[in-house]
Amino acid sequence: MSILSRYLCREFFKLLILCQITFLSIYLIIDFLQKIDNLIEANVSKSVMFSYFFYKIPYIMVQMAPVATLISVIIMFCLMKKNNEIMAMKSCGLDILKVSQIIIILSLLVGLTVFLFSEIIVPYASSRSNEIWSIEVNKQDPTRFYGSNQIWYKGSDSIYWIKHFDSEKGIMENPTFYFFDKAFRLIKRIDGRRGIWKDSIWKIEEGIMQEARNDGVFELSKFDELYLEIPETPETFVRDVKLPEDMSYRELKQYSKRIRQEGYDNTRYLVDMNLKIAFPFISFMLVLIGIPIALGLKKGGPPLAVSVGIGSCFLYTITLSFSRSLGLSGIFPPILSAWSANLVFFFLGLYLIMGIER
């Protein structure tokens, strides 16, 4: 590695660490001010409060890494231009784009680090942070099912719908059971007012059973109590609602598949699963934008360049949110929804870089 490359690497990482610490501090202060009322009302101890914000740090660092990378690059090149270092390089016959290659490579290294960090550390830390907030602040019972009251579950040859399920007492409210044959034809339907888990079997109370006869006609009968032998237990219907940041890519993929098998819409998880791969490349895309911003602005100096860089981050966020919403609504396939913003900024960055004076 040349002396110039070592110099650029040293300056880049110095600014990157400084920007990360700055953005992390700002994020934590704002988050603390927003949640201080909840923390005081819940009367949590200082240790619990510290643990909550401590476990949030890895997630914040991952989210702020692309912005910190962009601002670091902009400040570095603006200072080099202000100190006439860019002019000196050009006078020595150096191509600015070739000099910038080391920074582009470093941005890919930052992206790889972000991906590994989000796969190994963030899922555990984020889940612990959310657990502290749910149990210590919101005072939720961790044994209860907190999610949609309307539960759909798909068994091997059956589909169940439960209006509300109390996992602590093992009670279903207004359950409906559909049973199918191997050709997926409905052969039996059971509607009950309540289902109770008792002596390792489900007792369905005050319901109606419709069962298909050999001629295809359904025979209807009422019952006060019906003992239903199915393989599902109360634990089967306690589906933990996890956030994407609480899972690694592999866990999110498995969770998405599980949601789909249970009959739920897993579009959101497919989109977020693809975003897990696309997100680390944001640093690279923003660096392609940041280098032309720093070198192309003739007036205003670092303050204006940093302002334009922050504006670019907001524009990227808007583009990503828009493409993600299109993916969630089914207009875009999940992979296109996750990568659209990266593709737009990649081509925009290439266009801007081509206009740099070498």
Protein backbone atom coordinates (compact mmCIF):
# COMPACT_ATOMS: atom_id res chain seq x y z
CA MET A 1 0.00 0.00 0.00
CA SER A 2 1.39 3.43 -0.98
CA ILE A 3 1.99 6.28 1.44
CA LEU A 4 -0.97 8.17 -0.06
CA SER A 5 -3.30 5.18 0.40
CA ARG A 6 -2.24 4.78 4.03
CA TYR A 7 -2.83 8.49 4.59
CA LEU A 8 -6.33 8.31 3.09
CA CYS A 9 -7.18 5.21 5.12
CA ARG A 10 -6.00 6.81 8.36
CA GLU A 11 -7.92 10.04 7.77
CA PHE A 12 -11.05 8.19 6.66
CA PHE A 13 -11.22 5.96 9.74
CA LYS A 14 -10.47 8.85 12.09
CA LEU A 15 -13.40 10.80 10.67
CA LEU A 16 -15.62 7.71 10.52
CA ILE A 17 -15.13 6.98 14.23
CA LEU A 18 -15.75 10.62 15.10
CA CYS A 19 -18.95 10.75 13.02
CA GLN A 20 -20.20 7.44 14.45
CA ILE A 21 -19.73 8.67 18.02
CA THR A 22 -21.44 11.97 17.18
CA PHE A 23 -24.46 10.39 15.50
CA LEU A 24 -24.72 7.72 18.20
CA SER A 25 -24.76 10.39 20.92
CA ILE A 26 -27.39 12.48 19.12
CA TYR A 27 -29.59 9.41 18.53
CA LEU A 28 -29.38 8.29 22.18
CA ILE A 29 -30.14 11.79 23.50
CA ILE A 30 -33.21 12.16 21.27
CA ASP A 31 -34.40 8.64 22.09
CA PHE A 32 -33.92 9.29 25.82
CA LEU A 33 -35.90 12.54 25.68
CA GLN A 34 -38.72 10.82 23.80
CA LYS A 35 -39.00 7.93 26.26
CA ILE A 36 -38.16 9.56 29.57
CA ASP A 37 -41.87 9.93 30.42
CA ASN A 38 -42.49 6.20 29.92
CA LEU A 39 -39.42 5.28 31.97
CA ILE A 40 -40.43 7.55 34.86
CA GLU A 41 -44.04 6.35 34.79
CA ALA A 42 -42.89 2.71 34.86
CA ASN A 43 -40.58 3.57 37.80
CA VAL A 44 -37.71 1.55 36.37
CA SER A 45 -34.32 1.53 38.07
CA LYS A 46 -31.24 3.23 36.69
CA SER A 47 -29.66 -0.15 35.89
CA VAL A 48 -32.68 -1.19 33.81
CA MET A 49 -32.66 2.16 32.02
CA PHE A 50 -28.94 1.84 31.31
CA SER A 51 -29.36 -1.74 30.06
CA TYR A 52 -32.15 -0.72 27.70
CA PHE A 53 -30.10 2.00 25.99
CA PHE A 54 -26.90 -0.06 26.12
CA TYR A 55 -28.50 -2.91 24.17
CA LYS A 56 -29.80 -0.42 21.60
CA ILE A 57 -26.29 0.80 20.73
CA PRO A 58 -25.42 -1.99 18.20
CA TYR A 59 -28.63 -1.38 16.23
CA ILE A 60 -28.05 2.38 16.22
CA MET A 61 -24.46 1.93 15.05
CA VAL A 62 -25.59 -0.21 12.13
CA GLN A 63 -28.27 2.29 11.13
CA MET A 64 -25.89 5.25 11.36
CA ALA A 65 -22.93 3.60 9.60
CA PRO A 66 -23.95 4.62 6.02
CA VAL A 67 -24.56 8.25 7.06
CA ALA A 68 -21.30 8.38 9.02
CA THR A 69 -19.43 6.94 6.02
CA LEU A 70 -20.88 9.55 3.66
CA ILE A 71 -20.18 12.51 5.97
CA SER A 72 -16.65 11.22 6.65
CA VAL A 73 -15.85 11.06 2.94
CA ILE A 74 -17.31 14.51 2.28
CA ILE A 75 -15.40 16.14 5.15
CA MET A 76 -12.15 14.39 4.21
CA PHE A 77 -12.21 15.45 0.56
CA CYS A 78 -13.42 18.97 1.41
CA LEU A 79 -10.50 19.43 3.83
CA MET A 80 -8.08 18.04 1.29
CA LYS A 81 -9.42 20.48 -1.29
CA LYS A 82 -9.25 23.37 1.20
CA ASN A 83 -5.64 22.51 2.05
CA ASN A 84 -4.78 22.34 -1.68
CA GLU A 85 -3.93 18.64 -1.39
CA ILE A 86 -6.21 17.83 -4.33
CA MET A 87 -4.47 20.45 -6.44
CA ALA A 88 -1.07 19.02 -5.46
CA MET A 89 -2.17 15.54 -6.54
CA LYS A 90 -3.35 16.82 -9.90
CA SER A 91 -0.05 18.71 -10.34
CA CYS A 92 1.81 15.44 -9.80
CA GLY A 93 -0.25 13.82 -12.55
CA LEU A 94 -2.43 11.71 -10.24
CA ASP A 95 -5.94 10.79 -11.35
CA ILE A 96 -8.41 11.78 -8.61
CA LEU A 97 -10.69 8.88 -9.48
CA LYS A 98 -7.86 6.38 -9.07
CA VAL A 99 -6.94 8.02 -5.76
CA SER A 100 -10.59 7.68 -4.70
CA GLN A 101 -10.61 3.94 -5.40
CA ILE A 102 -9.18 3.18 -1.97
CA ILE A 103 -12.10 5.04 -0.33
CA ILE A 104 -14.62 3.15 -2.45
CA ILE A 105 -12.99 -0.14 -1.42
CA LEU A 106 -13.10 0.96 2.23
CA SER A 107 -16.82 1.69 1.88
CA LEU A 108 -17.35 -1.92 0.76
CA LEU A 109 -15.34 -3.03 3.78
CA VAL A 110 -17.59 -0.92 6.01
CA GLY A 111 -20.62 -2.56 4.39
CA LEU A 112 -19.23 -6.05 5.04
CA THR A 113 -18.55 -5.13 8.66
CA VAL A 114 -22.09 -3.77 9.01
CA PHE A 115 -23.53 -7.00 7.61
CA LEU A 116 -21.52 -9.21 9.98
CA PHE A 117 -22.37 -6.92 12.91
CA SER A 118 -26.08 -7.04 12.06
CA GLU A 119 -25.97 -10.84 11.75
CA ILE A 120 -24.00 -11.67 14.89
CA ILE A 121 -24.49 -8.92 17.48
CA VAL A 122 -27.57 -6.86 16.58
CA PRO A 123 -30.22 -9.67 16.77
CA TYR A 124 -29.31 -10.56 20.36
CA ALA A 125 -28.84 -6.97 21.54
CA SER A 126 -32.00 -5.70 19.85
CA SER A 127 -34.15 -8.54 21.18
CA ARG A 128 -32.85 -7.88 24.71
CA SER A 129 -33.63 -4.18 24.36
CA ASN A 130 -37.18 -4.90 23.14
CA GLU A 131 -37.63 -7.46 25.91
CA ILE A 132 -36.63 -4.93 28.57
CA TRP A 133 -39.05 -2.37 27.12
CA SER A 134 -41.94 -4.86 26.95
CA ILE A 135 -41.49 -6.41 30.39
CA GLU A 136 -39.95 -3.69 32.54
CA VAL A 137 -41.57 -0.60 30.99
CA ASN A 138 -44.86 -1.80 29.46
CA LYS A 139 -45.28 -4.45 32.21
CA GLN A 140 -46.34 -7.14 29.75
CA ASP A 141 -46.56 -10.75 30.84
CA PRO A 142 -43.95 -12.64 28.75
CA THR A 143 -46.07 -15.81 28.85
CA ARG A 144 -49.02 -14.15 27.12
CA PHE A 145 -49.64 -13.99 23.40
CA TYR A 146 -49.31 -10.39 22.28
CA GLY A 147 -50.20 -10.14 18.60
CA SER A 148 -53.22 -10.29 16.39
CA ASN A 149 -56.30 -11.60 18.14
CA GLN A 150 -57.41 -13.30 14.94
CA ILE A 151 -55.12 -16.31 14.62
CA TRP A 152 -54.95 -18.44 11.48
CA TYR A 153 -53.07 -21.71 11.72
CA LYS A 154 -52.47 -24.27 8.98
CA GLY A 155 -52.00 -27.88 10.03
CA SER A 156 -51.16 -30.88 7.85
CA ASP A 157 -54.75 -31.48 6.66
CA SER A 158 -56.54 -28.70 8.53
CA ILE A 159 -56.89 -24.97 9.00
CA TYR A 160 -57.88 -23.34 12.30
CA TRP A 161 -59.23 -19.85 12.93
CA ILE A 162 -59.28 -18.51 16.50
CA LYS A 163 -60.82 -15.14 17.33
CA HIS A 164 -58.78 -14.82 20.53
CA PHE A 165 -56.42 -17.15 22.34
CA ASP A 166 -55.38 -16.91 25.98
CA SER A 167 -52.13 -18.86 26.17
CA GLU A 168 -51.92 -18.53 29.97
CA LYS A 169 -55.26 -20.28 30.56
CA GLY A 170 -55.26 -22.36 27.38
CA ILE A 171 -58.63 -21.03 26.21
CA MET A 172 -59.80 -20.35 22.64
CA GLU A 173 -62.59 -17.90 21.95
CA ASN A 174 -64.91 -18.66 19.00
CA PRO A 175 -62.65 -21.21 17.28
CA THR A 176 -63.43 -22.68 13.86
CA PHE A 177 -61.77 -25.88 12.62
CA TYR A 178 -61.64 -26.91 8.95
CA PHE A 179 -60.59 -30.46 8.05
CA PHE A 180 -59.71 -31.57 4.51
CA ASP A 181 -59.03 -34.81 2.67
CA LYS A 182 -55.91 -35.52 0.59
CA ALA A 183 -57.47 -33.70 -2.41
CA PHE A 184 -58.00 -30.64 -0.20
CA ARG A 185 -61.78 -31.02 -0.20
CA LEU A 186 -63.57 -29.88 2.95
CA ILE A 187 -64.87 -32.90 4.86
CA LYS A 188 -65.60 -31.44 8.28
CA ARG A 189 -66.12 -28.05 9.92
CA ILE A 190 -66.47 -27.42 13.63
CA ASP A 191 -67.55 -24.07 15.10
CA GLY A 192 -67.48 -23.57 18.85
CA ARG A 193 -68.10 -20.82 21.36
CA ARG A 194 -65.02 -21.76 23.34
CA GLY A 195 -62.20 -24.31 23.34
CA ILE A 196 -60.46 -25.36 26.58
CA TRP A 197 -57.24 -27.35 26.92
CA LYS A 198 -58.05 -29.95 29.55
CA ASP A 199 -56.29 -33.23 30.35
CA SER A 200 -54.13 -33.00 27.20
CA ILE A 201 -57.14 -32.67 24.89
CA TRP A 202 -59.25 -29.82 23.53
CA LYS A 203 -62.81 -29.57 24.87
CA ILE A 204 -65.01 -27.55 22.50
CA GLU A 205 -68.12 -26.06 24.10
CA GLU A 206 -71.52 -25.13 22.59
CA GLY A 207 -70.86 -25.57 18.91
CA ILE A 208 -71.98 -26.89 15.56
CA MET A 209 -70.33 -29.65 13.52
CA GLN A 210 -70.82 -30.02 9.78
CA GLU A 211 -69.57 -33.31 8.34
CA ALA A 212 -69.63 -34.40 4.69
CA ARG A 213 -71.43 -37.64 3.85
CA ASN A 214 -70.49 -39.97 1.02
CA ASP A 215 -72.95 -38.23 -1.33
CA GLY A 216 -71.26 -34.86 -0.72
CA VAL A 217 -74.07 -33.41 1.38
CA PHE A 218 -73.08 -31.92 4.73
CA GLU A 219 -74.80 -33.22 7.82
CA LEU A 220 -75.22 -30.64 10.61
CA SER A 221 -75.34 -31.42 14.32
CA LYS A 222 -75.18 -29.36 17.50
CA PHE A 223 -73.26 -30.26 20.62
CA ASP A 224 -72.74 -28.93 24.14
CA GLU A 225 -69.32 -30.51 24.55
CA LEU A 226 -66.98 -32.12 22.04
CA TYR A 227 -63.55 -33.55 22.76
CA LEU A 228 -61.37 -32.86 19.76
CA GLU A 229 -58.21 -34.90 19.24
CA ILE A 230 -55.76 -32.83 17.23
CA PRO A 231 -51.93 -32.77 17.48
CA GLU A 232 -51.79 -29.05 18.26
CA THR A 233 -51.29 -27.96 21.88
CA PRO A 234 -51.58 -24.46 23.44
CA GLU A 235 -47.87 -23.91 22.77
CA THR A 236 -48.55 -24.33 19.05
CA PHE A 237 -50.64 -21.17 18.93
CA VAL A 238 -48.25 -19.01 20.94
CA ARG A 239 -46.50 -17.40 17.98
CA ASP A 240 -43.90 -14.88 19.03
CA VAL A 241 -44.11 -11.70 16.97
CA LYS A 242 -40.51 -10.85 16.16
CA LEU A 243 -39.09 -7.72 14.62
CA PRO A 244 -36.73 -8.05 11.62
CA GLU A 245 -33.85 -6.46 13.57
CA ASP A 246 -34.22 -9.20 16.21
CA MET A 247 -33.25 -11.85 13.66
CA SER A 248 -30.32 -12.68 11.43
CA TYR A 249 -30.82 -13.28 7.72
CA ARG A 250 -31.06 -17.05 8.21
CA GLU A 251 -33.49 -16.70 11.12
CA LEU A 252 -35.61 -14.22 9.18
CA LYS A 253 -35.74 -16.59 6.21
CA GLN A 254 -36.88 -19.48 8.42
CA TYR A 255 -39.37 -17.27 10.25
CA SER A 256 -40.81 -16.06 6.95
CA LYS A 257 -41.23 -19.63 5.78
CA ARG A 258 -42.92 -20.55 9.05
CA ILE A 259 -45.33 -17.61 8.80
CA ARG A 260 -46.24 -18.69 5.27
CA GLN A 261 -46.86 -22.29 6.35
CA GLU A 262 -49.18 -21.09 9.10
CA GLY A 263 -51.31 -19.26 6.55
CA TYR A 264 -50.18 -15.70 7.31
CA ASP A 265 -49.01 -13.15 4.78
CA ASN A 266 -45.19 -13.12 4.90
CA THR A 267 -44.65 -10.33 2.36
CA ARG A 268 -43.28 -7.95 4.99
CA TYR A 269 -40.70 -10.49 6.10
CA LEU A 270 -39.64 -11.30 2.52
CA VAL A 271 -39.06 -7.59 1.86
CA ASP A 272 -37.09 -7.13 5.09
CA MET A 273 -35.13 -10.31 4.38
CA ASN A 274 -33.92 -8.85 1.07
CA LEU A 275 -33.22 -5.54 2.81
CA LYS A 276 -30.83 -7.42 5.12
CA ILE A 277 -28.63 -8.04 2.06
CA ALA A 278 -29.19 -4.68 0.37
CA PHE A 279 -28.60 -2.50 3.44
CA PRO A 280 -24.80 -3.03 3.79
CA PHE A 281 -24.32 -1.69 0.24
CA ILE A 282 -25.82 1.68 1.20
CA SER A 283 -22.39 2.89 2.36
CA PHE A 284 -20.95 2.12 -1.07
CA MET A 285 -23.79 3.87 -2.90
CA LEU A 286 -23.57 6.97 -0.72
CA VAL A 287 -19.79 7.19 -1.16
CA LEU A 288 -20.34 7.28 -4.92
CA ILE A 289 -22.54 10.31 -4.28
CA GLY A 290 -20.31 11.86 -1.61
CA ILE A 291 -17.06 12.06 -3.61
CA PRO A 292 -18.58 14.17 -6.44
CA ILE A 293 -20.36 16.37 -3.87
CA ALA A 294 -17.11 17.11 -2.02
CA LEU A 295 -15.04 17.68 -5.16
CA GLY A 296 -17.69 19.30 -7.33
CA LEU A 297 -18.94 22.14 -5.14
CA LYS A 298 -17.00 25.31 -5.92
CA LYS A 299 -18.42 27.45 -3.10
CA GLY A 300 -19.66 26.99 0.42
CA GLY A 301 -16.87 24.72 1.65
CA PRO A 302 -17.41 21.80 4.08
CA PRO A 303 -20.62 23.18 5.70
CA LEU A 304 -22.47 23.30 2.38
CA ALA A 305 -21.06 19.96 1.25
CA VAL A 306 -22.11 18.30 4.51
CA SER A 307 -25.59 19.85 4.17
CA VAL A 308 -25.91 18.48 0.64
CA GLY A 309 -24.69 15.09 1.89
CA ILE A 310 -27.31 15.01 4.65
CA GLY A 311 -29.92 16.00 2.08
CA SER A 312 -28.77 13.06 -0.07
CA CYS A 313 -29.27 10.75 2.93
CA PHE A 314 -32.85 12.02 3.35
CA LEU A 315 -33.45 11.53 -0.37
CA TYR A 316 -32.13 7.98 -0.14
CA THR A 317 -34.35 7.30 2.89
CA ILE A 318 -37.42 8.59 1.03
CA THR A 319 -36.57 6.47 -2.02
CA LEU A 320 -36.01 3.37 0.12
CA SER A 321 -39.24 3.91 2.09
CA PHE A 322 -41.20 4.38 -1.13
CA SER A 323 -39.79 1.25 -2.77
CA ARG A 324 -40.34 -0.74 0.44
CA SER A 325 -43.97 0.38 0.58
CA LEU A 326 -44.40 -0.79 -3.01
CA GLY A 327 -42.99 -4.15 -1.98
CA LEU A 328 -45.27 -4.44 1.05
CA SER A 329 -48.30 -3.63 -1.11
CA GLY A 330 -47.30 -6.31 -3.64
CA ILE A 331 -46.68 -3.90 -6.53
CA PHE A 332 -42.93 -4.66 -6.55
CA PRO A 333 -41.48 -8.12 -5.90
CA PRO A 334 -39.55 -8.22 -2.60
CA ILE A 335 -36.09 -8.32 -4.17
CA LEU A 336 -36.78 -5.32 -6.44
CA SER A 337 -38.35 -3.43 -3.55
CA ALA A 338 -35.20 -3.90 -1.46
CA TRP A 339 -32.70 -3.03 -4.19
CA SER A 340 -34.47 -0.21 -6.08
CA ALA A 341 -32.96 2.61 -4.00
CA ASN A 342 -29.47 1.13 -4.32
CA LEU A 343 -29.81 0.86 -8.10
CA VAL A 344 -31.07 4.44 -8.44
CA PHE A 345 -28.22 5.87 -6.36
CA PHE A 346 -25.64 3.62 -8.01
CA PHE A 347 -26.38 5.02 -11.47
CA LEU A 348 -26.73 8.54 -10.06
CA GLY A 349 -23.32 8.18 -8.41
CA LEU A 350 -21.70 6.93 -11.61
CA TYR A 351 -23.16 9.88 -13.52
CA LEU A 352 -21.83 12.39 -10.98
CA ILE A 353 -18.40 10.75 -10.83
CA MET A 354 -18.07 10.94 -14.60
CA GLY A 355 -18.40 14.74 -14.32
CA ILE A 356 -15.50 15.16 -11.87
CA GLU A 357 -12.55 17.19 -13.10
CA ARG A 358 -9.55 14.89 -13.08
